[in-house]
């Protein structure tokens, strides 16, 4: 019996991206009109999470779209284009063109009303892209529609996409996870409108892992006792924690409540697996430790902050963000030299890591000498090339320019920061994944 797309999907599900990609390349070489294999190959290329992979993903998704204009090919091409637009090396012109094409593709298919059971997924991805281009009201409307469809749907295309064994469990959990992602996106949009209390109330409606398990168990006898960690669950906890701790509606924020949210998720992770089963789960677990470290550092709990930062490093030692978090923890503890070393290590791993560029730039600005202010300005300018929507970077750049005596430039940068802060979400919209399937 020859290889099938289901064989490749199984490899992708266990984190064997290279093996899955090789099987899919063999399939499309054997049958150049195999639409499903082209779609899955595009997803495998996206999983590589690098420039070459994203370029290949756009190529293969476009090949599938040219073969057949359908909901799944429309989503595949839009997701590939939208993901490539998030690359830090992408020029503003290229980024705008990619997002514009992705939005048009999704809008066209939704307007034709042929989407069927794919409509929730189409609308969720469209809502994320609209949020990223600043069309907040349109994004809220579209995300609300996606949420309504996802939460009331009794059928799902997700089973056929991600469940090669056909037991139905993934389709059921997929609907719950998509519902959670819609709620998270709406929560981000509300926070951008400074409606933080409303956002928190909305997030309480998100399905819990036990509800995922209940839905799956109702459909299959093979459902596992505890569902594996998913992006939607981590995003939900991160957003709740940020909203609780930022102090927008409670003086100083409720750090203890924010800590409780993350601690509950940490316990859930411990219960879900004896050993983490995929690269994604390891990365998500590192994110939880990073958030805990940052929260502890912000509340001057330096001992626990250091412990959490070390745990994040153990999970993802080659990830720039892990070293950046360690730097933030050192800085909070008054260990400036160690902080700068950690930020520089992060930049050695990823020269375009905007948070580390911002942190280093801020530290040099505080030194106050002309040479340090000039270096600060250069670092913050580089950070804004990588992340032009960073309010902190614009603010710090304004202060650095002011210190250098560049008054007009300083005022311009500070006005930009103030304007952006008025519509800044608690988490960046780019943290919401663009998804072909759950």
Protein backbone atom coordinates (compact mmCIF):
# COMPACT_ATOMS: atom_id res chain seq x y z
CA UNK A 1 0.00 0.00 0.00
CA UNK A 2 1.39 3.43 -1.00
CA UNK A 3 1.79 6.47 1.21
CA UNK A 4 -1.18 8.75 1.75
CA UNK A 5 -1.81 12.28 2.96
CA UNK A 6 -3.00 10.77 6.25
CA UNK A 7 0.45 9.22 6.75
CA UNK A 8 2.03 12.64 6.36
CA UNK A 9 -0.50 14.22 8.72
CA UNK A 10 0.38 11.73 11.43
CA UNK A 11 4.03 12.74 11.15
CA UNK A 12 3.13 16.43 11.38
CA UNK A 13 0.93 15.83 14.43
CA UNK A 14 3.83 14.31 16.40
CA UNK A 15 6.20 17.13 15.43
CA UNK A 16 8.07 15.25 12.69
CA UNK A 17 7.81 18.15 10.24
CA UNK A 18 10.72 17.08 8.02
CA UNK A 19 9.37 13.53 7.59
CA UNK A 20 5.83 14.75 6.94
CA UNK A 21 7.08 17.31 4.43
CA UNK A 22 9.09 14.67 2.56
CA UNK A 23 6.04 12.40 2.27
CA UNK A 24 3.92 15.29 0.98
CA UNK A 25 6.54 16.32 -1.58
CA UNK A 26 6.50 12.74 -2.84
CA UNK A 27 2.71 12.81 -3.10
CA UNK A 28 2.51 16.06 -5.09
CA UNK A 29 5.32 14.88 -7.37
CA UNK A 30 3.37 11.68 -8.03
CA UNK A 31 0.06 13.54 -8.52
CA UNK A 32 0.49 17.25 -9.39
CA UNK A 33 -3.28 17.73 -9.07
CA UNK A 34 -3.56 16.46 -5.48
CA UNK A 35 -5.12 19.54 -3.89
CA UNK A 36 -5.22 18.20 -0.32
CA UNK A 37 -1.52 17.28 -0.37
CA UNK A 38 -0.61 20.76 -1.62
CA UNK A 39 -2.65 22.31 1.20
CA UNK A 40 -1.04 20.08 3.82
CA UNK A 41 2.41 20.72 2.33
CA UNK A 42 1.78 24.46 2.70
CA UNK A 43 0.97 23.91 6.37
CA UNK A 44 4.12 21.82 6.85
CA UNK A 45 6.19 24.65 5.34
CA UNK A 46 4.54 27.15 7.71
CA UNK A 47 5.49 24.88 10.61
CA UNK A 48 9.16 25.45 9.72
CA UNK A 49 8.63 29.02 10.98
CA UNK A 50 11.31 30.64 8.83
CA UNK A 51 11.49 32.83 5.74
CA UNK A 52 12.18 29.96 3.34
CA UNK A 53 9.32 27.92 4.78
CA UNK A 54 6.86 30.80 4.50
CA UNK A 55 7.86 31.48 0.90
CA UNK A 56 7.34 27.81 0.06
CA UNK A 57 4.01 27.83 1.89
CA UNK A 58 2.73 30.69 -0.29
CA UNK A 59 3.93 28.83 -3.42
CA UNK A 60 2.22 25.53 -2.53
CA UNK A 61 -0.96 27.19 -1.26
CA UNK A 62 -1.19 29.14 -4.50
CA UNK A 63 -0.75 25.91 -6.47
CA UNK A 64 -3.69 24.39 -4.56
CA UNK A 65 -5.77 27.55 -5.10
CA UNK A 66 -5.03 27.54 -8.86
CA UNK A 67 -6.14 23.91 -9.07
CA UNK A 68 -9.39 24.48 -7.20
CA UNK A 69 -11.01 27.58 -5.71
CA UNK A 70 -12.67 26.24 -2.57
CA UNK A 71 -12.96 27.14 1.14
CA UNK A 72 -9.95 25.06 2.12
CA UNK A 73 -7.71 26.43 -0.65
CA UNK A 74 -8.85 29.99 0.08
CA UNK A 75 -7.97 29.60 3.76
CA UNK A 76 -4.65 27.94 2.93
CA UNK A 77 -3.51 30.77 0.64
CA UNK A 78 -4.79 33.50 2.97
CA UNK A 79 -3.04 31.92 5.98
CA UNK A 80 0.21 31.55 4.04
CA UNK A 81 0.08 35.17 2.85
CA UNK A 82 -0.90 36.48 6.28
CA UNK A 83 1.84 34.48 7.99
CA UNK A 84 4.48 35.70 5.55
CA UNK A 85 3.40 39.29 6.26
CA UNK A 86 4.44 38.78 9.89
CA UNK A 87 8.07 38.20 8.97
CA UNK A 88 10.27 40.84 10.57
CA UNK A 89 12.32 41.22 7.37
CA UNK A 90 9.19 41.98 5.35
CA UNK A 91 8.99 45.52 3.97
CA UNK A 92 5.91 47.62 4.72
CA UNK A 93 4.91 47.53 1.06
CA UNK A 94 5.21 43.74 0.84
CA UNK A 95 3.43 43.32 4.17
CA UNK A 96 0.49 45.48 3.10
CA UNK A 97 0.22 43.71 -0.27
CA UNK A 98 0.22 40.24 1.33
CA UNK A 99 -2.39 41.16 3.94
CA UNK A 100 -4.52 42.93 1.35
CA UNK A 101 -4.56 39.89 -0.94
CA UNK A 102 -5.33 37.55 1.97
CA UNK A 103 -8.25 39.73 3.08
CA UNK A 104 -9.66 39.92 -0.46
CA UNK A 105 -9.46 36.14 -0.92
CA UNK A 106 -11.35 35.46 2.32
CA UNK A 107 -13.93 38.21 1.77
CA UNK A 108 -14.64 36.99 -1.75
CA UNK A 109 -15.39 33.45 -0.65
CA UNK A 110 -17.48 34.52 2.34
CA UNK A 111 -19.53 36.87 0.15
CA UNK A 112 -20.23 34.06 -2.33
CA UNK A 113 -21.87 32.16 0.56
CA UNK A 114 -20.44 28.81 -0.55
CA UNK A 115 -18.34 28.31 2.56
CA UNK A 116 -20.65 25.87 4.35
CA UNK A 117 -19.09 24.44 7.50
CA UNK A 118 -15.82 26.26 6.74
CA UNK A 119 -17.39 29.66 7.40
CA UNK A 120 -16.27 29.98 11.04
CA UNK A 121 -12.65 29.31 10.10
CA UNK A 122 -12.82 31.71 7.14
CA UNK A 123 -14.26 34.47 9.31
CA UNK A 124 -11.85 33.91 12.21
CA UNK A 125 -8.81 34.29 9.92
CA UNK A 126 -10.38 37.32 8.24
CA UNK A 127 -11.02 38.93 11.65
CA UNK A 128 -7.37 38.46 12.68
CA UNK A 129 -6.12 40.04 9.44
CA UNK A 130 -8.54 42.96 9.77
CA UNK A 131 -7.30 43.57 13.32
CA UNK A 132 -3.70 43.59 12.09
CA UNK A 133 -4.44 46.27 9.49
CA UNK A 134 -6.21 48.42 12.08
CA UNK A 135 -9.84 47.85 11.02
CA UNK A 136 -10.97 47.16 14.58
CA UNK A 137 -14.73 47.61 14.16
CA UNK A 138 -14.81 45.36 11.10
CA UNK A 139 -12.70 42.81 12.97
CA UNK A 140 -15.08 42.82 15.95
CA UNK A 141 -18.08 42.25 13.67
CA UNK A 142 -16.35 39.42 11.80
CA UNK A 143 -14.95 37.75 14.94
CA UNK A 144 -18.39 37.89 16.60
CA UNK A 145 -19.91 36.17 13.58
CA UNK A 146 -17.18 33.50 13.64
CA UNK A 147 -17.80 32.95 17.35
CA UNK A 148 -21.53 32.50 16.85
CA UNK A 149 -20.98 29.94 14.08
CA UNK A 150 -18.23 28.07 15.93
CA UNK A 151 -20.09 27.84 19.24
CA UNK A 152 -23.34 26.59 17.68
CA UNK A 153 -21.94 24.33 14.94
CA UNK A 154 -22.79 20.63 15.17
CA UNK A 155 -20.54 19.58 12.28
CA UNK A 156 -16.91 20.29 11.64
CA UNK A 157 -14.55 20.13 8.69
CA UNK A 158 -11.70 19.92 11.17
CA UNK A 159 -12.07 16.17 11.57
CA UNK A 160 -11.27 15.45 7.94
CA UNK A 161 -8.36 17.88 7.95
CA UNK A 162 -6.53 16.84 11.10
CA UNK A 163 -7.95 13.47 12.08
CA UNK A 164 -6.59 10.87 9.66
CA UNK A 165 -7.72 8.06 11.94
CA UNK A 166 -11.30 9.26 11.61
CA UNK A 167 -12.31 8.83 15.26
CA UNK A 168 -13.88 12.30 15.43
CA UNK A 169 -12.20 13.45 18.62
CA UNK A 170 -10.15 16.19 17.03
CA UNK A 171 -13.14 17.62 15.24
CA UNK A 172 -15.03 18.05 18.51
CA UNK A 173 -12.11 19.54 20.39
CA UNK A 174 -11.29 21.68 17.37
CA UNK A 175 -14.63 23.47 17.56
CA UNK A 176 -14.04 24.26 21.24
CA UNK A 177 -10.52 25.53 20.50
CA UNK A 178 -11.75 27.71 17.63
CA UNK A 179 -14.40 29.15 19.95
CA UNK A 180 -11.66 29.99 22.45
CA UNK A 181 -9.52 31.67 19.77
CA UNK A 182 -12.51 33.79 18.70
CA UNK A 183 -13.07 34.86 22.32
CA UNK A 184 -9.38 35.67 22.76
CA UNK A 185 -9.37 37.81 19.61
CA UNK A 186 -12.49 39.65 20.75
CA UNK A 187 -10.88 40.16 24.16
CA UNK A 188 -7.82 41.69 22.48
CA UNK A 189 -10.03 43.95 20.39
CA UNK A 190 -11.93 45.12 23.48
CA UNK A 191 -8.66 45.81 25.28
CA UNK A 192 -7.55 47.92 22.29
CA UNK A 193 -10.67 49.99 22.90
CA UNK A 194 -9.74 50.17 26.61
CA UNK A 195 -12.77 48.05 27.58
CA UNK A 196 -10.79 45.77 29.89
CA UNK A 197 -13.55 44.77 32.28
CA UNK A 198 -15.81 43.80 29.38
CA UNK A 199 -12.96 41.80 27.88
CA UNK A 200 -12.46 39.86 31.11
CA UNK A 201 -16.18 39.12 31.39
CA UNK A 202 -16.16 37.82 27.81
CA UNK A 203 -13.19 35.53 28.42
CA UNK A 204 -15.02 33.71 31.21
CA UNK A 205 -17.19 32.14 28.47
CA UNK A 206 -14.22 30.28 26.98
CA UNK A 207 -14.54 26.46 27.00
CA UNK A 208 -12.37 24.69 29.56
CA UNK A 209 -10.15 21.66 28.80
CA UNK A 210 -12.66 19.48 30.66
CA UNK A 211 -15.34 20.66 28.22
CA UNK A 212 -13.03 19.78 25.30
CA UNK A 213 -12.65 16.33 26.84
CA UNK A 214 -16.40 16.00 27.32
CA UNK A 215 -17.12 16.91 23.70
CA UNK A 216 -14.55 14.45 22.43
CA UNK A 217 -15.72 11.66 24.74
CA UNK A 218 -19.27 12.11 23.50
CA UNK A 219 -18.06 11.38 19.96
CA UNK A 220 -15.47 8.68 20.45
CA UNK A 221 -14.49 5.97 22.85
CA UNK A 222 -10.82 6.59 22.12
CA UNK A 223 -10.67 10.16 23.48
CA UNK A 224 -7.76 10.70 25.85
CA UNK A 225 -8.38 11.46 29.50
CA UNK A 226 -6.65 14.84 29.38
CA UNK A 227 -6.37 16.95 26.20
CA UNK A 228 -2.93 18.10 25.15
CA UNK A 229 -1.89 21.72 25.52
CA UNK A 230 -3.15 24.01 22.78
CA UNK A 231 -2.25 27.53 21.63
CA UNK A 232 -5.76 28.78 22.40
CA UNK A 233 -5.49 27.75 26.06
CA UNK A 234 -2.14 29.51 26.57
CA UNK A 235 -3.31 32.66 24.77
CA UNK A 236 -6.43 32.76 26.93
CA UNK A 237 -4.39 32.57 30.14
CA UNK A 238 -1.85 35.15 28.92
CA UNK A 239 -4.57 37.60 27.97
CA UNK A 240 -6.46 37.17 31.25
CA UNK A 241 -3.23 37.65 33.17
CA UNK A 242 -2.28 40.81 31.26
CA UNK A 243 -5.74 42.30 31.72
CA UNK A 244 -5.75 41.56 35.44
CA UNK A 245 -2.26 42.88 36.11
CA UNK A 246 -2.09 46.04 34.00
CA UNK A 247 -3.95 48.30 36.47
CA UNK A 248 -6.35 49.83 33.92
CA UNK A 249 -9.37 49.32 36.13
CA UNK A 250 -7.77 48.45 39.45
CA UNK A 251 -5.09 50.59 41.06
CA UNK A 252 -1.81 48.78 40.48
CA UNK A 253 -3.61 45.81 38.94
CA UNK A 254 -4.51 42.53 40.62
CA UNK A 255 -1.18 40.73 40.38
CA UNK A 256 -2.28 37.89 42.66
CA UNK A 257 -5.30 37.12 40.47
CA UNK A 258 -3.10 37.24 37.38
CA UNK A 259 -0.64 34.87 39.04
CA UNK A 260 -3.46 32.48 39.90
CA UNK A 261 -4.54 32.27 36.26
CA UNK A 262 -1.03 31.30 35.14
CA UNK A 263 -0.49 28.94 38.07
CA UNK A 264 -3.70 27.06 37.19
CA UNK A 265 -2.47 26.62 33.64
CA UNK A 266 0.90 25.40 34.91
CA UNK A 267 -0.85 22.74 36.99
CA UNK A 268 -2.91 21.78 33.94
CA UNK A 269 0.29 21.28 31.97
CA UNK A 270 1.67 18.99 34.66
CA UNK A 271 -1.54 16.93 34.59
CA UNK A 272 -1.73 16.76 30.80
CA UNK A 273 1.55 15.00 30.14
CA UNK A 274 4.29 13.12 31.91
CA UNK A 275 6.65 14.29 29.16
CA UNK A 276 5.68 16.93 26.62
CA UNK A 277 4.70 15.20 23.39
CA UNK A 278 5.49 17.81 20.75
CA UNK A 279 7.71 20.74 19.92
CA UNK A 280 4.65 22.99 20.07
CA UNK A 281 3.77 21.87 23.59
CA UNK A 282 7.33 22.52 24.75
CA UNK A 283 7.22 26.03 23.26
CA UNK A 284 3.81 26.73 24.82
CA UNK A 285 5.02 25.53 28.20
CA UNK A 286 8.02 27.86 27.91
CA UNK A 287 5.59 30.72 27.23
CA UNK A 288 3.77 30.03 30.49
CA UNK A 289 7.04 30.08 32.46
CA UNK A 290 8.04 33.30 30.68
CA UNK A 291 4.77 35.00 31.62
CA UNK A 292 5.15 33.87 35.24
CA UNK A 293 8.72 35.21 35.32
CA UNK A 294 7.68 38.60 33.95
CA UNK A 295 4.78 38.85 36.39
CA UNK A 296 6.98 37.95 39.36
CA UNK A 297 9.62 40.45 38.24
CA UNK A 298 7.01 43.22 37.92
CA UNK A 299 5.92 42.59 41.52
CA UNK A 300 9.54 42.49 42.85
CA UNK A 301 9.35 38.75 43.62
CA UNK A 302 12.90 38.29 42.37
CA UNK A 303 13.46 34.75 43.69
CA UNK A 304 10.44 33.24 41.98
CA UNK A 305 11.07 35.36 38.89
CA UNK A 306 14.55 33.86 38.56
CA UNK A 307 13.22 30.32 39.05
CA UNK A 308 10.53 30.77 36.37
CA UNK A 309 13.01 32.33 33.92
CA UNK A 310 15.35 29.36 34.40
CA UNK A 311 12.49 26.95 33.73
CA UNK A 312 11.68 28.79 30.49
CA UNK A 313 15.33 28.48 29.46
CA UNK A 314 15.32 24.75 30.23
CA UNK A 315 12.39 24.28 27.84
CA UNK A 316 13.62 26.57 25.04
CA UNK A 317 17.34 27.38 25.50
CA UNK A 318 17.77 28.45 21.87
CA UNK A 319 14.80 30.80 21.88
CA UNK A 320 15.62 34.53 22.01
CA UNK A 321 12.53 35.28 24.11
CA UNK A 322 13.72 32.96 26.90
CA UNK A 323 16.97 34.93 27.23
CA UNK A 324 15.12 38.24 26.99
CA UNK A 325 12.87 37.25 29.89
CA UNK A 326 15.97 36.31 31.91
CA UNK A 327 17.35 39.77 31.14
CA UNK A 328 14.16 41.44 32.37
CA UNK A 329 14.38 39.42 35.59
CA UNK A 330 18.03 40.43 36.12
CA UNK A 331 17.19 44.07 35.45
CA UNK A 332 14.32 44.01 37.95
CA UNK A 333 16.74 42.60 40.53
CA UNK A 334 19.19 45.44 39.92
CA UNK A 335 21.70 43.21 38.09
CA UNK A 336 22.37 45.49 35.14
CA UNK A 337 25.46 43.70 33.78
CA UNK A 338 23.72 40.30 33.83
CA UNK A 339 20.65 41.85 32.20
CA UNK A 340 22.70 43.31 29.34
CA UNK A 341 24.46 39.98 28.84
CA UNK A 342 21.11 38.17 28.58
CA UNK A 343 19.72 40.74 26.11
CA UNK A 344 22.86 40.44 23.99
CA UNK A 345 22.56 36.64 24.03
CA UNK A 346 18.98 36.97 22.79
CA UNK A 347 20.17 39.22 19.97
CA UNK A 348 22.94 36.77 19.08
CA UNK A 349 20.23 34.14 18.59
CA UNK A 350 17.89 36.55 16.78
CA UNK A 351 19.37 39.92 15.71
CA UNK A 352 15.87 41.22 14.99
CA UNK A 353 14.35 40.31 18.36
CA UNK A 354 12.49 43.56 19.02
CA UNK A 355 11.91 43.15 22.79
CA UNK A 356 15.66 42.73 23.39
CA UNK A 357 16.50 45.69 21.15
CA UNK A 358 13.99 47.78 23.11
CA UNK A 359 15.30 46.64 26.49
CA UNK A 360 18.93 47.33 25.57
CA UNK A 361 17.99 50.67 24.03
CA UNK A 362 16.12 51.63 27.19
CA UNK A 363 19.06 50.69 29.41
CA UNK A 364 21.50 52.76 27.33
CA UNK A 365 19.07 55.70 27.33
CA UNK A 366 19.00 55.67 31.11
CA UNK A 367 22.79 55.96 31.21
CA UNK A 368 22.32 59.44 29.79
CA UNK A 369 25.73 60.08 28.18
CA UNK A 370 25.75 61.39 24.58
CA UNK A 371 27.38 58.18 23.32
CA UNK A 372 24.87 55.97 25.17
CA UNK A 373 21.93 58.09 23.97
CA UNK A 374 23.13 57.75 20.36
CA UNK A 375 23.44 53.97 20.77
CA UNK A 376 20.01 53.88 22.38
CA UNK A 377 18.52 55.75 19.43
CA UNK A 378 20.09 53.28 16.97
CA UNK A 379 18.89 50.22 18.89
CA UNK A 380 15.34 51.56 19.22
CA UNK A 381 15.25 52.51 15.53
CA UNK A 382 16.25 48.92 14.69
CA UNK A 383 13.52 47.65 17.03
CA UNK A 384 10.90 49.69 15.17
CA UNK A 385 12.05 48.26 11.85
CA UNK A 386 11.28 44.84 13.30
CA UNK A 387 8.11 45.86 15.15
CA UNK A 388 6.73 49.23 13.99
CA UNK A 389 3.70 48.92 16.29
CA UNK A 390 5.66 48.89 19.58
CA UNK A 391 4.39 51.72 21.79
CA UNK A 392 7.32 51.26 24.18
CA UNK A 393 9.87 51.58 21.38
CA UNK A 394 8.33 54.82 20.08
CA UNK A 395 8.17 56.24 23.60
CA UNK A 396 11.77 55.34 24.46
CA UNK A 397 12.98 56.64 21.07
CA UNK A 398 11.26 59.94 21.81
CA UNK A 399 13.05 60.17 25.16
CA UNK A 400 16.41 59.28 23.59
CA UNK A 401 15.97 61.95 20.91
CA UNK A 402 15.02 64.45 23.59
CA UNK A 403 18.18 63.63 25.52
CA UNK A 404 20.21 64.24 22.35
CA UNK A 405 18.53 67.62 21.90
CA UNK A 406 16.55 66.60 18.81
CA UNK A 407 13.36 68.27 20.00
CA UNK A 408 11.25 68.06 16.84
CA UNK A 409 12.03 64.38 16.28
CA UNK A 410 11.41 63.65 19.97
CA UNK A 411 7.98 65.28 19.90
CA UNK A 412 7.03 63.38 16.75
CA UNK A 413 8.01 60.02 18.26
CA UNK A 414 6.25 60.74 21.55
CA UNK A 415 3.05 61.77 19.74
CA UNK A 416 3.22 58.51 17.79
CA UNK A 417 3.53 56.57 21.05
CA UNK A 418 0.56 58.38 22.61
CA UNK A 419 -1.58 57.79 19.53
CA UNK A 420 -0.73 54.10 19.38
CA UNK A 421 -1.27 53.59 23.11
CA UNK A 422 -4.90 54.64 22.73
CA UNK A 423 -5.56 51.57 20.54
CA UNK A 424 -2.94 49.16 21.86
CA UNK A 425 -4.28 45.67 22.75
CA UNK A 426 -3.20 43.85 25.90
CA UNK A 427 -1.50 41.30 23.63
CA UNK A 428 -0.35 41.97 20.05
CA UNK A 429 -2.86 40.83 17.43
CA UNK A 430 -0.05 38.91 15.75
CA UNK A 431 -0.09 36.47 18.67
CA UNK A 432 -3.45 35.20 17.40
CA UNK A 433 -2.54 32.34 15.08
CA UNK A 434 -3.74 32.28 11.50
CA UNK A 435 -5.01 28.73 11.11
CA UNK A 436 -5.84 26.29 8.35
CA UNK A 437 -7.14 23.85 10.94
CA UNK A 438 -7.19 23.27 14.68
